[in-house]
Protein backbone atom coordinates (compact mmCIF):
# COMPACT_ATOMS: atom_id res chain seq x y z
CA MET A 1 -63.61 -112.19 42.29
CA GLN A 2 -65.41 -108.81 42.31
CA LEU A 3 -62.94 -107.36 44.86
CA ASN A 4 -59.98 -108.45 42.67
CA LEU A 5 -61.58 -106.83 39.70
CA PHE A 6 -62.15 -103.64 41.74
CA PHE A 7 -58.45 -103.44 42.62
CA ARG A 8 -57.32 -103.99 39.05
CA VAL A 9 -59.58 -101.26 37.71
CA THR A 10 -58.51 -98.90 40.56
CA THR A 11 -54.80 -99.65 39.83
CA LEU A 12 -55.32 -98.96 36.16
CA LEU A 13 -57.15 -95.63 36.77
CA VAL A 14 -54.38 -94.48 39.15
CA ALA A 15 -51.75 -95.40 36.53
CA ILE A 16 -53.68 -93.35 33.81
CA ILE A 17 -54.06 -90.39 36.08
CA CYS A 18 -50.41 -90.45 37.16
CA SER A 19 -49.43 -90.75 33.48
CA GLY A 20 -51.57 -87.80 32.54
CA LEU A 21 -50.10 -85.70 35.33
CA SER A 22 -46.62 -86.61 34.25
CA THR A 23 -47.28 -85.63 30.64
CA ALA A 24 -49.00 -82.37 31.78
CA GLY A 25 -46.03 -81.50 33.84
CA GLN A 26 -43.47 -82.11 30.98
CA THR A 27 -41.95 -79.28 29.17
CA ASN A 28 -41.63 -79.64 25.42
CA VAL A 29 -38.99 -77.95 23.32
CA THR A 30 -41.08 -77.08 20.39
CA ASN A 31 -38.68 -74.95 18.11
CA ALA A 32 -35.15 -73.66 17.99
CA ARG A 33 -33.66 -70.45 16.38
CA LEU A 34 -30.11 -69.31 16.10
CA TRP A 35 -29.30 -65.59 15.74
CA ASP A 36 -25.75 -64.28 14.95
CA ALA A 37 -24.61 -60.93 16.26
CA PRO A 38 -21.06 -59.48 15.86
CA ASP A 39 -19.96 -60.28 19.39
CA HIS A 40 -22.11 -63.30 20.21
CA SER A 41 -24.53 -65.90 18.89
CA ARG A 42 -28.01 -66.44 20.47
CA LEU A 43 -29.75 -69.84 20.64
CA VAL A 44 -33.47 -69.63 21.45
CA LEU A 45 -35.46 -72.59 22.52
CA GLU A 46 -39.21 -72.35 22.51
CA LEU A 47 -40.77 -74.10 25.38
CA SER A 48 -44.31 -75.33 26.03
CA GLN A 49 -43.97 -73.94 29.63
CA ALA A 50 -41.33 -72.40 31.82
CA THR A 51 -38.96 -74.96 33.57
CA GLU A 52 -35.57 -75.14 35.27
CA HIS A 53 -32.23 -75.57 33.47
CA LYS A 54 -28.49 -75.82 34.03
CA VAL A 55 -25.58 -74.95 31.87
CA LEU A 56 -22.14 -76.48 31.98
CA VAL A 57 -19.06 -75.68 29.88
CA LEU A 58 -16.59 -78.48 29.01
CA SER A 59 -13.24 -78.41 27.15
CA ASN A 60 -11.14 -80.91 25.16
CA PRO A 61 -13.11 -80.73 23.00
CA HIS A 62 -15.11 -77.54 23.67
CA ARG A 63 -18.75 -78.31 24.43
CA LEU A 64 -21.71 -76.66 26.07
CA VAL A 65 -24.08 -79.02 28.09
CA LEU A 66 -27.60 -77.86 28.69
CA ASP A 67 -29.84 -79.85 31.03
CA ILE A 68 -33.61 -78.96 30.89
CA LYS A 69 -35.70 -80.33 33.83
CA ASN A 70 -38.50 -82.82 32.98
CA ALA A 71 -38.44 -81.98 29.29
CA ALA A 72 -38.59 -83.63 25.81
CA LYS A 73 -37.47 -82.52 22.41
CA LYS A 74 -40.19 -81.91 19.83
CA THR A 75 -38.13 -80.28 17.15
CA ARG A 76 -35.06 -80.69 15.05
CA PHE A 77 -31.62 -79.02 15.43
CA ASP A 78 -30.00 -80.09 12.19
CA THR A 79 -31.87 -77.52 10.19
CA LEU A 80 -30.11 -74.64 12.03
CA ASP A 81 -27.34 -72.65 10.15
CA PHE A 82 -24.16 -72.83 12.09
CA ILE A 83 -21.94 -71.19 9.68
CA ASN A 84 -21.34 -67.81 11.41
CA SER A 85 -21.63 -69.16 14.99
CA PRO A 86 -19.22 -70.96 17.37
CA VAL A 87 -21.50 -74.00 17.16
CA LYS A 88 -20.43 -77.09 15.06
CA SER A 89 -23.51 -79.16 15.79
CA ILE A 90 -26.19 -79.83 18.39
CA ARG A 91 -27.27 -83.27 19.73
CA SER A 92 -29.64 -84.34 22.42
CA ALA A 93 -30.69 -87.25 24.60
CA ARG A 94 -32.78 -88.18 27.49
CA ARG A 95 -31.16 -87.96 30.96
CA ASP A 96 -32.35 -89.92 34.00
CA LYS A 97 -35.41 -91.00 32.01
CA GLN A 98 -37.06 -87.53 32.69
CA ASP A 99 -34.71 -84.59 31.84
CA LEU A 100 -33.51 -83.44 28.39
CA ARG A 101 -29.76 -83.08 27.87
CA ILE A 102 -28.75 -80.83 24.82
CA VAL A 103 -25.06 -80.80 23.87
CA LEU A 104 -23.57 -78.02 21.71
CA ASP A 105 -20.33 -79.10 20.02
CA LEU A 106 -18.30 -75.90 19.70
CA LYS A 107 -15.63 -74.66 17.38
CA GLU A 108 -13.92 -72.62 20.06
CA LYS A 109 -13.98 -71.59 23.66
CA ILE A 110 -17.03 -69.55 24.66
CA LYS A 111 -18.52 -67.83 27.58
CA PRO A 112 -22.28 -68.59 27.95
CA LYS A 113 -25.10 -66.65 29.43
CA SER A 114 -28.60 -68.25 29.86
CA PHE A 115 -31.95 -66.98 31.06
CA LEU A 116 -35.71 -67.56 30.53
CA LEU A 117 -37.97 -65.19 28.75
CA LYS A 118 -41.70 -65.10 29.64
CA ALA A 119 -44.49 -65.52 27.08
CA ASN A 120 -45.53 -62.39 25.27
CA ASP A 121 -47.89 -61.43 22.32
CA GLN A 122 -45.46 -62.99 19.77
CA TYR A 123 -43.97 -65.98 21.50
CA GLY A 124 -44.47 -68.39 24.26
CA ASP A 125 -41.85 -69.20 27.04
CA ARG A 126 -38.29 -69.32 25.85
CA LEU A 127 -34.88 -70.39 26.99
CA VAL A 128 -32.15 -68.11 25.71
CA ILE A 129 -28.46 -69.03 25.57
CA ASP A 130 -26.04 -66.36 24.62
CA LEU A 131 -22.60 -67.60 23.37
CA TYR A 132 -19.85 -65.11 23.68
CA SER A 133 -16.73 -66.03 21.58
CA GLU A 134 -13.50 -65.12 23.38
CA SER A 135 -11.53 -64.71 20.03
CA THR A 136 -14.19 -62.45 18.39
CA LYS A 137 -14.35 -60.39 21.61
CA GLN A 138 -10.64 -59.81 21.55
CA ALA A 139 -10.65 -58.93 17.82
CA ILE A 140 -13.43 -56.36 18.29
CA LYS A 141 -11.66 -54.83 21.15
CA LYS A 142 -8.34 -54.43 19.27
CA LYS A 143 -10.18 -52.96 16.26
CA ARG A 144 -11.94 -50.36 18.45
CA GLN A 145 -8.63 -49.45 20.23
CA LYS A 146 -7.02 -48.97 16.80
CA LYS A 147 -9.86 -46.76 15.69
CA THR A 148 -9.83 -44.67 18.90
CA ILE A 149 -6.05 -44.06 18.40
CA GLU A 150 -6.62 -43.00 14.80
CA ASN A 151 -9.34 -40.58 15.73
CA SER A 152 -7.26 -39.00 18.45
CA ILE A 153 -4.36 -38.36 16.01
CA SER A 154 -6.48 -36.70 13.37
CA GLN A 155 -7.49 -33.13 14.35
CA LYS A 156 -9.99 -33.00 11.48
CA ARG A 157 -11.97 -36.01 12.54
CA ASP A 158 -15.23 -37.24 11.08
CA ILE A 159 -18.55 -36.55 12.84
CA ILE A 160 -19.73 -39.95 14.11
CA ILE A 161 -23.39 -40.87 13.87
CA MET A 162 -24.72 -43.95 15.62
CA ILE A 163 -27.81 -45.26 13.79
CA ASP A 164 -29.96 -47.55 15.96
CA PRO A 165 -32.52 -49.74 14.28
CA GLY A 166 -34.97 -50.61 17.00
CA HIS A 167 -35.80 -54.15 18.14
CA GLY A 168 -34.39 -57.18 16.19
CA GLY A 169 -34.02 -61.04 16.67
CA GLU A 170 -36.52 -62.26 19.25
CA ASP A 171 -38.01 -58.78 19.57
CA PRO A 172 -39.95 -58.00 16.38
CA GLY A 173 -41.32 -54.67 17.64
CA ALA A 174 -44.82 -53.61 16.41
CA MET A 175 -46.61 -55.77 13.88
CA GLY A 176 -48.53 -54.30 11.00
CA PRO A 177 -51.09 -55.71 8.59
CA ASN A 178 -49.91 -58.82 6.62
CA ARG A 179 -47.45 -59.45 9.46
CA ILE A 180 -45.08 -56.59 8.49
CA LYS A 181 -42.52 -56.35 11.27
CA GLU A 182 -41.16 -53.14 12.67
CA LYS A 183 -37.65 -54.64 13.14
CA ASN A 184 -37.33 -55.25 9.40
CA VAL A 185 -38.70 -51.83 8.27
CA VAL A 186 -36.49 -49.81 10.54
CA LEU A 187 -33.38 -51.83 9.69
CA ALA A 188 -33.92 -51.13 5.98
CA ILE A 189 -34.26 -47.35 6.75
CA ALA A 190 -31.23 -47.37 8.91
CA LYS A 191 -29.09 -48.94 6.24
CA GLU A 192 -30.19 -46.40 3.75
CA LEU A 193 -29.39 -43.56 6.28
CA LYS A 194 -25.94 -45.12 6.78
CA LYS A 195 -25.23 -45.00 3.10
CA LEU A 196 -26.13 -41.38 2.90
CA VAL A 197 -24.07 -40.36 5.93
CA ASN A 198 -20.96 -42.24 4.80
CA ALA A 199 -21.15 -40.71 1.33
CA GLN A 200 -20.86 -37.25 2.91
CA LYS A 201 -17.24 -36.08 3.48
CA GLY A 202 -16.52 -35.44 7.17
CA TYR A 203 -19.07 -37.97 8.45
CA LYS A 204 -18.95 -41.55 9.49
CA ALA A 205 -21.98 -43.74 10.41
CA HIS A 206 -22.25 -47.02 12.43
CA LEU A 207 -25.23 -49.28 13.16
CA THR A 208 -25.98 -50.74 16.46
CA ARG A 209 -27.18 -53.85 14.62
CA GLY A 210 -26.42 -54.67 11.03
CA SER A 211 -28.85 -57.49 10.66
CA ASP A 212 -31.65 -59.38 12.43
CA TYR A 213 -30.43 -59.91 15.88
CA TYR A 214 -31.26 -58.32 19.28
CA VAL A 215 -29.11 -55.72 21.09
CA GLY A 216 -29.97 -54.71 24.64
CA LEU A 217 -31.08 -51.09 25.26
CA ARG A 218 -28.13 -50.19 27.43
CA LYS A 219 -25.84 -52.02 25.05
CA ARG A 220 -26.97 -49.69 22.23
CA THR A 221 -25.91 -46.65 24.12
CA SER A 222 -22.67 -48.15 25.25
CA LEU A 223 -21.88 -48.89 21.64
CA ALA A 224 -22.43 -45.30 20.82
CA ARG A 225 -20.09 -44.31 23.69
CA LYS A 226 -17.31 -46.66 22.59
CA TYR A 227 -17.37 -45.22 19.05
CA LYS A 228 -17.23 -41.70 20.51
CA THR A 229 -20.53 -40.81 18.86
CA ASP A 230 -21.54 -37.14 18.19
CA LEU A 231 -25.24 -38.02 17.65
CA PHE A 232 -27.32 -41.15 18.42
CA VAL A 233 -30.41 -41.68 16.11
CA SER A 234 -32.78 -44.45 17.04
CA ILE A 235 -35.29 -45.46 14.32
CA HIS A 236 -38.71 -46.99 15.08
CA ALA A 237 -42.15 -47.45 13.63
CA ASP A 238 -45.14 -46.60 16.02
CA ALA A 239 -48.23 -48.68 16.63
CA PHE A 240 -51.54 -47.95 18.28
CA ILE A 241 -54.81 -49.99 19.10
CA LYS A 242 -56.71 -47.78 16.68
CA SER A 243 -55.55 -48.27 13.07
CA GLN A 244 -56.50 -44.63 12.18
CA ALA A 245 -53.51 -43.27 14.04
CA ASN A 246 -50.79 -42.02 11.60
CA GLY A 247 -47.88 -39.69 11.14
CA ALA A 248 -44.19 -39.43 11.97
CA SER A 249 -42.76 -38.06 15.32
CA VAL A 250 -39.33 -37.23 16.78
CA TYR A 251 -38.48 -37.60 20.52
CA ALA A 252 -35.77 -36.43 22.82
CA VAL A 253 -35.41 -37.44 26.42
CA SER A 254 -37.81 -35.93 29.00
CA ASN A 255 -36.33 -33.78 31.87
CA ARG A 256 -37.38 -36.43 34.31
CA GLY A 257 -35.70 -39.15 32.25
CA ALA A 258 -32.49 -37.06 32.09
CA SER A 259 -32.59 -36.46 35.83
CA SER A 260 -33.07 -40.12 36.63
CA GLU A 261 -30.14 -41.04 34.37
CA THR A 262 -27.98 -38.44 36.14
CA ALA A 263 -28.83 -40.10 39.45
CA ARG A 264 -27.93 -43.50 37.97
CA TRP A 265 -24.50 -42.40 36.83
CA LEU A 266 -23.85 -40.60 40.12
CA ALA A 267 -24.79 -43.80 42.00
CA LYS A 268 -22.21 -45.83 39.96
CA LYS A 269 -19.53 -43.02 39.83
CA GLU A 270 -16.83 -45.64 40.13
CA ASN A 271 -17.80 -46.72 36.61
CA SER A 272 -17.87 -43.30 35.14
CA ALA A 273 -15.00 -44.12 32.82
CA ASP A 274 -17.88 -45.46 30.64
CA LEU A 275 -18.84 -41.85 29.94
CA MET A 276 -16.93 -40.30 26.96
CA GLY A 277 -13.92 -38.96 28.73
CA GLY A 278 -15.88 -38.59 31.91
CA VAL A 279 -18.14 -35.54 31.14
CA GLY A 280 -16.67 -33.00 28.64
CA GLY A 281 -13.33 -34.60 29.01
CA VAL A 282 -13.45 -34.33 32.81
CA SER A 283 -13.31 -37.49 34.95
CA LEU A 284 -15.82 -37.96 37.72
CA GLU A 285 -13.94 -40.59 39.71
CA ASP A 286 -12.02 -38.06 41.86
CA LYS A 287 -14.95 -35.64 42.31
CA GLY A 288 -17.18 -35.38 45.39
CA ASN A 289 -20.83 -36.19 44.93
CA VAL A 290 -21.96 -32.50 44.70
CA LEU A 291 -19.40 -31.59 42.06
CA ALA A 292 -19.96 -34.77 40.11
CA GLY A 293 -23.64 -34.18 40.24
CA VAL A 294 -23.22 -30.58 38.94
CA LEU A 295 -20.93 -31.73 36.02
CA LEU A 296 -23.40 -34.46 35.15
CA ASP A 297 -26.33 -31.98 35.16
CA LEU A 298 -24.43 -29.58 32.95
CA SER A 299 -23.60 -32.34 30.47
CA SER A 300 -27.17 -33.60 30.48
CA THR A 301 -28.57 -30.11 29.89
CA ALA A 302 -26.19 -29.43 27.00
CA SER A 303 -27.01 -32.86 25.41
CA LEU A 304 -30.73 -32.25 25.81
CA LYS A 305 -30.48 -28.84 24.24
CA ALA A 306 -28.60 -30.36 21.26
CA SER A 307 -31.08 -33.29 21.04
CA LEU A 308 -34.02 -30.88 20.86
CA SER A 309 -32.24 -28.70 18.23
CA VAL A 310 -31.21 -31.58 15.86
CA GLY A 311 -34.73 -33.17 16.49
CA ASP A 312 -36.43 -30.00 15.36
CA ARG A 313 -34.44 -29.91 12.06
CA VAL A 314 -35.10 -33.69 11.47
CA LEU A 315 -38.83 -33.26 12.19
CA ARG A 316 -39.12 -30.25 9.83
CA SER A 317 -37.27 -32.17 7.08
CA MET A 318 -39.46 -35.27 7.56
CA GLY A 319 -42.57 -33.00 7.17
CA GLY A 320 -41.65 -32.73 3.41
CA VAL A 321 -42.20 -36.46 2.81
CA ALA A 322 -44.53 -37.67 5.61
CA ARG A 323 -47.53 -36.46 7.57
CA LEU A 324 -46.38 -35.39 11.08
CA HIS A 325 -48.25 -36.91 14.00
CA LYS A 326 -46.80 -34.17 16.25
CA ARG A 327 -45.35 -30.88 14.91
CA GLN A 328 -42.96 -30.35 17.80
CA VAL A 329 -40.28 -32.57 19.22
CA GLN A 330 -41.76 -34.77 21.92
CA GLN A 331 -39.98 -35.78 25.11
CA ALA A 332 -40.17 -39.11 26.84
CA GLY A 333 -38.09 -41.34 29.12
CA PHE A 334 -36.88 -43.87 26.39
CA VAL A 335 -33.78 -45.72 27.74
CA VAL A 336 -31.82 -45.20 24.49
CA LEU A 337 -32.17 -41.44 24.85
CA LYS A 338 -30.84 -41.11 28.30
CA SER A 339 -27.09 -40.76 27.73
CA PRO A 340 -25.96 -37.66 29.59
CA ASP A 341 -22.95 -37.22 27.24
CA ILE A 342 -24.51 -37.90 23.81
CA PRO A 343 -27.18 -35.94 21.96
CA SER A 344 -29.89 -38.50 21.15
CA ILE A 345 -33.10 -38.54 19.21
CA LEU A 346 -35.73 -41.28 18.51
CA VAL A 347 -37.53 -41.10 15.12
CA GLU A 348 -40.91 -42.66 14.82
CA THR A 349 -41.15 -43.03 11.08
CA GLY A 350 -44.98 -43.68 11.09
CA PHE A 351 -47.63 -45.96 12.39
CA ILE A 352 -47.08 -49.57 11.17
CA SER A 353 -50.50 -50.32 12.61
CA ASN A 354 -52.12 -48.01 10.05
CA PRO A 355 -52.79 -49.98 6.83
CA LYS A 356 -51.88 -47.10 4.50
CA GLU A 357 -48.67 -46.09 6.31
CA SER A 358 -47.73 -49.78 6.69
CA ARG A 359 -47.86 -50.31 2.97
CA ARG A 360 -45.68 -47.22 2.36
CA LEU A 361 -43.16 -48.14 5.07
CA LYS A 362 -42.51 -51.56 3.49
CA THR A 363 -41.55 -50.02 0.12
CA LYS A 364 -37.93 -49.35 -0.78
CA LYS A 365 -38.89 -45.97 -2.35
CA TYR A 366 -40.50 -44.62 0.82
CA GLN A 367 -37.66 -46.04 3.03
CA LYS A 368 -35.16 -44.11 0.96
CA GLN A 369 -37.30 -40.97 1.20
CA LEU A 370 -37.44 -41.17 4.97
CA ALA A 371 -33.67 -41.84 5.19
CA LYS A 372 -32.98 -38.75 3.05
CA ALA A 373 -35.28 -36.58 5.17
CA ILE A 374 -33.51 -37.69 8.38
CA HIS A 375 -30.09 -37.19 6.81
CA LYS A 376 -31.05 -33.69 5.56
CA GLY A 377 -32.09 -32.65 9.06
CA VAL A 378 -29.02 -34.03 10.65
CA SER A 379 -26.68 -32.27 8.12
CA ARG A 380 -28.44 -28.98 8.68
CA TYR A 381 -27.87 -29.15 12.37
CA PHE A 382 -24.13 -29.98 12.13
CA ASP A 383 -23.65 -27.37 9.37
CA ASN A 384 -24.80 -24.81 11.92
CA ALA A 385 -23.05 -26.45 14.99
CA PRO A 386 -20.13 -28.72 13.95
CA PRO A 387 -18.36 -30.48 16.91
CA PRO A 388 -14.95 -29.25 17.97
CA GLY A 389 -12.04 -30.94 16.27
CA SER A 390 -14.18 -32.12 13.34
CA LEU A 391 -13.41 -31.48 9.66
CA LEU A 392 -16.62 -29.40 9.51
CA ALA A 393 -15.61 -27.25 12.47
CA TRP A 394 -12.14 -26.67 10.73
CA GLN A 395 -13.74 -25.71 7.50
CA LYS A 396 -16.19 -23.34 9.15
CA ALA A 397 -13.38 -21.79 11.17
CA THR A 398 -11.12 -21.25 8.17
CA ALA A 399 -13.88 -20.22 5.79
CA ASN A 400 -13.43 -16.50 6.58
CA LYS A 401 -9.65 -16.69 6.44
CA PHE A 402 -9.48 -17.52 2.82
CA ALA A 403 -10.57 -16.09 -0.49
CA LYS A 404 -11.30 -17.62 -3.83
CA TYR A 405 -9.00 -17.26 -6.79
CA VAL A 406 -10.00 -18.18 -10.26
CA VAL A 407 -7.13 -19.59 -12.36
CA LYS A 408 -6.51 -17.46 -15.55
CA LYS A 409 -4.70 -18.31 -18.71
CA GLY A 410 -0.83 -18.46 -18.15
CA ASP A 411 -1.19 -18.99 -14.35
CA THR A 412 1.01 -21.64 -12.68
CA LEU A 413 0.68 -22.86 -9.18
CA SER A 414 4.01 -21.34 -8.15
CA GLN A 415 3.03 -17.95 -9.50
CA ILE A 416 -0.35 -18.02 -7.61
CA ALA A 417 1.51 -19.06 -4.49
CA MET A 418 3.98 -16.15 -4.83
CA ARG A 419 1.37 -13.61 -5.46
CA ASN A 420 -0.62 -14.63 -2.39
CA ASP A 421 2.37 -15.01 -0.10
CA VAL A 422 1.84 -18.61 0.62
CA SER A 423 4.09 -21.78 -0.04
CA ILE A 424 3.27 -24.22 -2.82
CA LYS A 425 3.08 -27.00 -0.22
CA LYS A 426 0.53 -25.07 1.83
CA LEU A 427 -1.51 -24.21 -1.32
CA ARG A 428 -1.61 -27.75 -2.34
CA GLU A 429 -2.75 -28.87 1.21
CA LEU A 430 -5.41 -26.20 1.36
CA ASN A 431 -6.91 -27.24 -1.96
CA ARG A 432 -6.17 -31.00 -1.67
CA LEU A 433 -4.11 -30.98 -4.86
CA ARG A 434 -2.24 -34.05 -5.78
CA SER A 435 0.04 -32.21 -8.34
CA ASP A 436 1.10 -28.76 -9.34
CA ASN A 437 -1.24 -28.80 -12.37
CA VAL A 438 -4.03 -26.25 -12.53
CA TRP A 439 -6.50 -25.37 -15.26
CA ILE A 440 -8.23 -22.33 -16.50
CA GLY A 441 -11.39 -21.50 -14.50
CA GLN A 442 -10.35 -23.68 -11.54
CA ARG A 443 -11.32 -22.06 -8.17
CA LEU A 444 -8.53 -22.25 -5.59
CA SER A 445 -8.66 -21.20 -1.89
CA VAL A 446 -5.93 -18.64 -1.12
CA PRO A 447 -5.19 -16.57 2.09
CA ALA A 448 -7.39 -13.52 2.39
CA SER A 449 -5.48 -10.23 2.20
């Protein structure tokens, strides 16, 4: 009787222990988020611990099947917003009494990419599934090709500025008091800067991200290259373990960082078409290692010189609205600054970890002031050194070839053209006139005698 009772208790204890071990080994999906970027959507599943997974794509109808090993769902999927994503709905069920199967019902054919992210200061372990839409990818490619053709036709092109709001999506960046996130502050400043640039004739601005999603560091520079960018401006907000640290800074790439990038491009010379026309319009594909290395070094040196020059102007301009942490342009090996063919600067707008600066950085008024300061510095640089082929370069080249004529009473456009030995058509083009009408006091550009 006692022996039988002993076996029963032992069996029960083993069952409880095994049950506890099974539960401890189980991975729970505790939360889900969906981020929408222009070329893909990102589904992020928060996990209680890292585990294995498999992804399978099915058609007729389009579906993505995700199997997570030894897992259970502890969240809801029906609260996610699928409007701007290729996902119609998400459902889940147990598989083999142990694994979790999640099925994404899709609106169209997609190409998935999945990977695990380790726990950090902000989040625990995560499973990331990027969904690349084939139709969206083709539409973006055609749009870029059309824009490239249009730019090549125009001899008086716009100066292209790529504005890069740091972080985004799963990467919040630095966190300030009251959970103010760097990713939100820098996006707001970037949008204000874009407005200012686009309002200026002869300029065009693009953002590496227009809303709250993550863009890889290399992808940011490749976007700049695809748009044939003249200047890359990355915007951040600094942080430090001591809250007293404060002030704005501007960075260019370090000499060591530039050298390492030159070595990287040289190592993948077969992919050098990614560079803007090779380097200075010269392809590297048919060049030997020595010559290709020299060309890359020359390009990197020229880009670094331009970066330091524009960075100095931006820093001095920012000194009018913010305290400067460093009064000279700093140099560091930031990945987004390493393009050997694109002048690039990184602007630290202030320390978000400093309570006073954090309060200023989150206000619309201060964000606009910072954007105006950056814009002012960039404009001063390009006024002095406009890129070849740009409208500003043409205006600077022709400025000394023309004089100003003030229209007097009784003047007509044909009379002014005759007196200055120029055709009416040329005079209209020169002054961007839509008609032959002129008025007293109007200032017209005419060929200098």
